[in-house]
Amino acid sequence: MALAFAAPSQLRAQSAAAETLQQKVALQNQTAPPTLTSGSDSDLGDIDVVQTFPIPPTFTFSTTQQFYYTDNVFYTDAHQVASTAYLGSYTASYVPYSLRDWTPRITLQYNMVRYDSAASGDFDNENVAFSNQYVFSDDRAWTWTATIDLSRFTAPHSNDAEFYKEVVYDNQVSHVQQLIPNTPLFFVAAYDLAYHQAHPAGFNRLDNDLSFSLAYYPVAEISVGPFVRPAARTYVTNTSTQHDRDDFNLSEGLDVTWQPVKYASVSADVSHTNDYSNNSGQSYNNTIPGVSLTGTIKF
């Protein structure tokens, strides 16, 4: 009886686990902001302001080690299990070439998630992503990123048996705006439209996500960022357990990051998610506080 209940519960959790992992260690493509400098030229004379755009590094290697607590491992209110957890993420990205406003990127990523009191929820994840980022405003405040992400999930305690995989076709438009001149307070907004082609096919879905956040730097090494992320998820494949399913997913939280040196940072964050589904038994809520260490090498 217990095994019969655990199997469908874990299957229902796979989609939510993928969503949470994507939020925690999203394959991001970041463009360095323009740098304003002064200079002079022997032919032109003094130049008051010159706008330069740093070339993105060809290779980037990073790792994030996160330790957190969740009060809902399996993302179901009917079988709610709490546990401390560990997420280890390892990422390598390659930029073959770049133009002033366009940056293609290839990214490989491996993630491992381990729960202290719910080993049946442990999983490993492998990703390869192909992305293109285009900056389409002179002030570089607006960007568009198109990504194809291939992802697979395996169970480490079952001989690495694959239980879930998907291809995500994602388009994101983002905007960054300084709110007060000469004050390091920024507003960040993004819209994501993503189609998840999944196996099992019952998790095929279309996502519409909005995110709004603030980034405040009280000192250069510390950032404080509250955020809210409403999302609509439409499942497009009907199954015996999911029929005409639509979810409204709302996450909010706060992140504080300290970067004592250029390529290393320490973060503390807390988030709360409520998922409201029109499918009986699919709604859930989850609270996750955590701390993480990140190291990066670029060249």
Protein backbone atom coordinates (compact mmCIF):
# COMPACT_ATOMS: atom_id res chain seq x y z
CA MET A 1 0.00 0.00 0.00
CA ALA A 2 2.81 2.44 0.89
CA LEU A 3 4.67 1.69 -2.35
CA ALA A 4 1.51 2.15 -4.40
CA PHE A 5 1.05 5.61 -2.90
CA ALA A 6 4.70 6.67 -3.16
CA ALA A 7 5.06 5.89 -6.86
CA PRO A 8 2.36 8.29 -8.18
CA SER A 9 3.34 10.88 -5.57
CA GLN A 10 6.93 10.90 -6.81
CA LEU A 11 5.79 10.97 -10.45
CA ARG A 12 3.63 14.02 -9.76
CA ALA A 13 6.63 15.63 -8.06
CA GLN A 14 8.91 15.40 -11.10
CA SER A 15 7.47 18.40 -12.92
CA ALA A 16 7.58 20.57 -9.78
CA ALA A 17 11.12 19.37 -9.01
CA ALA A 18 12.22 20.44 -12.49
CA GLU A 19 10.55 23.83 -12.08
CA THR A 20 12.23 24.44 -8.72
CA LEU A 21 15.63 23.37 -10.03
CA GLN A 22 15.25 25.67 -13.04
CA GLN A 23 14.50 28.57 -10.70
CA LYS A 24 17.40 27.79 -8.36
CA VAL A 25 20.15 27.23 -10.92
CA ALA A 26 18.72 28.74 -14.09
CA LEU A 27 21.02 28.66 -17.12
CA GLN A 28 21.53 32.41 -17.32
CA ASN A 29 23.27 34.42 -20.01
CA GLN A 30 24.50 37.69 -18.64
CA THR A 31 25.87 40.63 -20.62
CA ALA A 32 28.27 42.99 -18.89
CA PRO A 33 26.94 46.57 -18.62
CA PRO A 34 28.60 49.32 -20.64
CA THR A 35 31.56 51.09 -19.08
CA LEU A 36 31.93 54.86 -19.36
CA THR A 37 35.50 56.13 -19.66
CA SER A 38 37.29 59.35 -20.63
CA GLY A 39 40.29 59.66 -22.90
CA SER A 40 42.06 61.58 -25.67
CA ASP A 41 43.15 60.96 -29.24
CA SER A 42 46.11 62.54 -31.06
CA ASP A 43 43.95 63.33 -34.12
CA LEU A 44 40.57 64.06 -32.54
CA GLY A 45 41.72 65.75 -29.36
CA ASP A 46 39.94 65.29 -26.05
CA ILE A 47 37.07 62.80 -25.91
CA ASP A 48 34.72 63.47 -23.03
CA VAL A 49 32.90 60.12 -22.89
CA VAL A 50 33.55 56.88 -24.71
CA GLN A 51 31.17 53.94 -24.35
CA THR A 52 32.87 50.55 -24.36
CA PHE A 53 31.37 47.07 -24.22
CA PRO A 54 33.59 44.39 -22.66
CA ILE A 55 33.98 41.20 -24.67
CA PRO A 56 32.27 38.31 -22.85
CA PRO A 57 34.68 35.63 -21.61
CA THR A 58 35.08 32.66 -23.95
CA PHE A 59 34.99 30.07 -21.14
CA THR A 60 33.16 30.27 -17.81
CA PHE A 61 33.24 27.61 -15.10
CA SER A 62 31.20 27.94 -11.94
CA THR A 63 29.91 25.91 -9.03
CA THR A 64 27.20 26.60 -6.46
CA GLN A 65 26.91 24.61 -3.23
CA GLN A 66 23.56 25.24 -1.57
CA PHE A 67 22.25 23.99 1.75
CA TYR A 68 18.57 24.56 2.41
CA TYR A 69 15.41 23.40 4.14
CA THR A 70 12.10 22.57 2.49
CA ASP A 71 8.82 21.82 4.19
CA ASN A 72 7.42 19.97 1.15
CA VAL A 73 9.87 17.61 -0.58
CA PHE A 74 7.31 15.97 -2.90
CA TYR A 75 5.35 19.12 -3.82
CA THR A 76 2.00 17.79 -2.70
CA ASP A 77 -0.09 18.92 0.25
CA ALA A 78 -1.55 15.41 0.58
CA HIS A 79 1.83 13.86 1.47
CA GLN A 80 3.88 16.72 2.92
CA VAL A 81 7.43 15.78 4.02
CA ALA A 82 9.98 18.25 5.43
CA SER A 83 13.76 17.86 5.12
CA THR A 84 17.08 19.63 5.05
CA ALA A 85 18.68 19.33 1.62
CA TYR A 86 21.82 19.84 -0.45
CA LEU A 87 22.07 21.10 -4.02
CA GLY A 88 25.41 20.89 -5.82
CA SER A 89 25.53 22.61 -9.21
CA TYR A 90 28.43 22.61 -11.72
CA THR A 91 28.29 24.71 -14.89
CA ALA A 92 30.55 25.26 -17.90
CA SER A 93 29.74 27.65 -20.73
CA TYR A 94 31.42 28.50 -24.03
CA VAL A 95 30.97 31.62 -26.19
CA PRO A 96 32.26 30.80 -29.70
CA TYR A 97 32.10 34.44 -30.83
CA SER A 98 30.14 37.60 -30.07
CA LEU A 99 29.07 40.87 -31.62
CA ARG A 100 28.27 44.17 -29.94
CA ASP A 101 24.62 43.25 -29.34
CA TRP A 102 24.53 39.48 -29.89
CA THR A 103 26.05 36.67 -27.82
CA PRO A 104 25.54 32.96 -28.61
CA ARG A 105 26.40 30.51 -25.84
CA ILE A 106 26.65 26.76 -25.22
CA THR A 107 26.17 25.67 -21.60
CA LEU A 108 26.64 22.32 -19.87
CA GLN A 109 25.33 21.81 -16.36
CA TYR A 110 25.17 19.01 -13.79
CA ASN A 111 23.07 19.21 -10.62
CA MET A 112 22.62 16.83 -7.70
CA VAL A 113 19.91 17.12 -5.04
CA ARG A 114 19.99 15.14 -1.79
CA TYR A 115 17.40 15.18 1.00
CA ASP A 116 18.39 14.28 4.56
CA SER A 117 15.11 12.67 5.64
CA ALA A 118 13.57 11.75 2.26
CA ALA A 119 16.13 9.82 0.21
CA SER A 120 13.40 8.68 -2.22
CA GLY A 121 13.24 12.28 -3.45
CA ASP A 122 16.96 12.47 -4.37
CA PHE A 123 17.78 13.07 -8.02
CA ASP A 124 20.56 14.03 -10.42
CA ASN A 125 20.09 16.34 -13.38
CA GLU A 126 22.07 16.98 -16.56
CA ASN A 127 21.51 19.89 -18.96
CA VAL A 128 22.85 21.15 -22.25
CA ALA A 129 21.58 24.52 -23.46
CA PHE A 130 22.03 26.50 -26.67
CA SER A 131 21.19 30.16 -26.27
CA ASN A 132 21.35 33.47 -28.10
CA GLN A 133 21.14 36.80 -26.31
CA TYR A 134 20.38 40.01 -28.16
CA VAL A 135 20.56 43.51 -26.66
CA PHE A 136 18.10 45.72 -28.50
CA SER A 137 18.40 49.14 -26.84
CA ASP A 138 21.23 51.66 -26.90
CA ASP A 139 21.29 51.87 -23.09
CA ARG A 140 21.46 48.05 -22.95
CA ALA A 141 18.48 47.98 -20.60
CA TRP A 142 16.42 45.60 -22.77
CA THR A 143 17.54 42.09 -23.70
CA TRP A 144 16.00 39.09 -25.44
CA THR A 145 17.32 35.58 -24.84
CA ALA A 146 16.21 32.51 -26.81
CA THR A 147 17.24 29.12 -25.40
CA ILE A 148 16.81 25.44 -26.22
CA ASP A 149 17.54 23.39 -23.09
CA LEU A 150 17.76 19.57 -23.07
CA SER A 151 17.42 18.13 -19.57
CA ARG A 152 17.27 14.66 -18.00
CA PHE A 153 16.65 13.52 -14.42
CA THR A 154 17.93 10.26 -12.92
CA ALA A 155 17.46 8.45 -9.61
CA PRO A 156 20.86 7.94 -7.90
CA HIS A 157 19.63 5.10 -5.67
CA SER A 158 18.16 3.09 -8.58
CA ASN A 159 21.26 2.61 -10.73
CA ASP A 160 20.78 6.10 -12.21
CA ALA A 161 17.48 5.11 -13.82
CA GLU A 162 16.06 7.93 -15.90
CA PHE A 163 12.60 8.94 -14.67
CA TYR A 164 12.03 12.31 -16.39
CA LYS A 165 13.39 14.30 -19.32
CA GLU A 166 12.35 17.34 -21.28
CA VAL A 167 13.26 19.82 -23.98
CA VAL A 168 12.48 23.43 -23.08
CA TYR A 169 12.02 26.07 -25.78
CA ASP A 170 12.35 29.35 -23.91
CA ASN A 171 12.10 33.03 -24.86
CA GLN A 172 12.80 35.72 -22.29
CA VAL A 173 12.59 39.50 -22.52
CA SER A 174 14.15 41.38 -19.59
CA HIS A 175 14.53 45.00 -18.55
CA VAL A 176 16.80 46.69 -16.00
CA GLN A 177 16.18 50.25 -14.84
CA GLN A 178 17.99 52.37 -12.25
CA LEU A 179 15.23 53.89 -10.14
CA ILE A 180 17.05 56.85 -8.56
CA PRO A 181 19.99 58.65 -10.20
CA ASN A 182 23.28 58.20 -8.31
CA THR A 183 21.65 55.58 -6.07
CA PRO A 184 22.48 51.87 -6.52
CA LEU A 185 18.83 50.78 -6.59
CA PHE A 186 17.62 48.89 -9.67
CA PHE A 187 14.30 47.48 -10.85
CA VAL A 188 14.49 44.24 -12.83
CA ALA A 189 11.57 42.77 -14.77
CA ALA A 190 11.35 39.77 -17.09
CA TYR A 191 8.77 37.86 -19.09
CA ASP A 192 9.32 34.20 -19.97
CA LEU A 193 7.39 32.17 -22.51
CA ALA A 194 8.47 28.53 -22.46
CA TYR A 195 7.18 25.27 -23.87
CA HIS A 196 8.20 22.06 -22.06
CA GLN A 197 8.18 18.93 -24.20
CA ALA A 198 8.42 16.27 -21.50
CA HIS A 199 8.58 12.54 -20.98
CA PRO A 200 6.29 11.37 -19.43
CA ALA A 201 4.10 13.32 -21.86
CA GLY A 202 1.61 14.19 -19.11
CA PHE A 203 3.96 17.00 -18.09
CA ASN A 204 3.99 18.75 -21.49
CA ARG A 205 3.09 22.33 -20.67
CA LEU A 206 3.23 25.98 -21.70
CA ASP A 207 4.57 28.45 -19.13
CA ASN A 208 3.95 32.17 -18.95
CA ASP A 209 6.15 33.68 -16.22
CA LEU A 210 6.59 37.23 -15.00
CA SER A 211 9.25 38.23 -12.49
CA PHE A 212 9.77 41.52 -10.70
CA SER A 213 12.67 42.24 -8.38
CA LEU A 214 14.72 45.00 -6.83
CA ALA A 215 18.50 45.01 -6.54
CA TYR A 216 19.95 47.35 -3.92
CA TYR A 217 23.66 47.69 -3.16
CA PRO A 218 24.15 49.34 0.28
CA VAL A 219 27.88 48.77 -0.34
CA ALA A 220 29.58 47.54 -3.49
CA GLU A 221 30.07 44.00 -2.16
CA ILE A 222 26.50 43.40 -0.89
CA SER A 223 23.22 43.16 -2.81
CA VAL A 224 19.72 42.86 -1.37
CA GLY A 225 16.97 41.65 -3.69
CA PRO A 226 13.28 41.04 -2.91
CA PHE A 227 11.34 39.38 -5.73
CA VAL A 228 7.90 38.18 -6.78
CA ARG A 229 7.26 35.70 -9.62
CA PRO A 230 3.67 35.01 -10.80
CA ALA A 231 3.29 32.29 -13.44
CA ALA A 232 0.56 30.53 -15.39
CA ARG A 233 1.15 26.91 -16.40
CA THR A 234 -1.07 25.14 -18.92
CA TYR A 235 -0.65 21.37 -19.26
CA VAL A 236 -1.39 20.42 -22.86
CA THR A 237 -1.51 16.60 -22.67
CA ASN A 238 -4.44 14.92 -20.93
CA THR A 239 -3.83 11.77 -18.88
CA SER A 240 -5.80 9.72 -16.37
CA THR A 241 -4.41 11.87 -13.53
CA GLN A 242 -4.33 15.24 -15.36
CA HIS A 243 -7.19 16.51 -17.48
CA ASP A 244 -7.42 20.13 -18.72
CA ARG A 245 -5.00 21.13 -15.97
CA ASP A 246 -4.15 24.80 -15.40
CA ASP A 247 -1.99 26.07 -12.53
CA PHE A 248 -1.32 29.53 -11.13
CA ASN A 249 2.08 29.53 -9.44
CA LEU A 250 3.14 32.42 -7.20
CA SER A 251 6.61 32.69 -5.64
CA GLU A 252 8.03 35.49 -3.55
CA GLY A 253 11.22 35.82 -1.56
CA LEU A 254 14.37 37.68 -0.63
CA ASP A 255 18.03 37.16 -1.54
CA VAL A 256 21.06 38.73 0.15
CA THR A 257 24.46 38.21 -1.51
CA TRP A 258 27.94 39.13 -0.30
CA GLN A 259 30.74 39.10 -2.86
CA PRO A 260 34.00 39.67 -0.94
CA VAL A 261 36.17 38.91 -4.01
CA LYS A 262 35.50 39.15 -7.74
CA TYR A 263 34.76 35.49 -8.45
CA ALA A 264 33.29 34.23 -5.15
CA SER A 265 30.07 35.00 -3.29
CA VAL A 266 27.96 33.90 -0.34
CA SER A 267 24.15 34.14 -0.46
CA ALA A 268 21.28 33.70 1.95
CA ASP A 269 17.75 33.49 0.62
CA VAL A 270 14.22 32.50 1.49
CA SER A 271 11.31 31.83 -0.86
CA HIS A 272 7.70 30.76 -0.55
CA THR A 273 5.66 29.22 -3.36
CA ASN A 274 1.93 28.62 -3.64
CA ASP A 275 0.67 26.58 -6.57
CA TYR A 276 -3.08 26.71 -7.22
CA SER A 277 -4.33 24.00 -9.59
CA ASN A 278 -7.78 23.29 -11.00
CA ASN A 279 -6.86 19.59 -10.81
CA SER A 280 -7.83 18.02 -7.53
CA GLY A 281 -4.85 17.09 -5.37
CA GLN A 282 -2.25 18.92 -7.50
CA SER A 283 -2.03 22.20 -5.53
CA TYR A 284 0.83 22.65 -3.09
CA ASN A 285 2.80 25.20 -1.09
CA ASN A 286 6.49 25.20 -0.22
CA THR A 287 8.85 27.32 1.89
CA ILE A 288 12.61 27.14 1.28
CA PRO A 289 15.24 29.07 3.28
CA GLY A 290 18.88 28.40 2.37
CA VAL A 291 22.49 29.51 2.10
CA SER A 292 24.84 28.99 -0.83
CA LEU A 293 28.48 29.40 -1.84
CA THR A 294 29.38 30.22 -5.46
CA GLY A 295 32.74 30.27 -7.19
CA THR A 296 33.42 31.28 -10.81
CA ILE A 297 36.39 31.23 -13.18
CA LYS A 298 36.28 33.18 -16.46
CA PHE A 299 38.80 33.52 -19.26
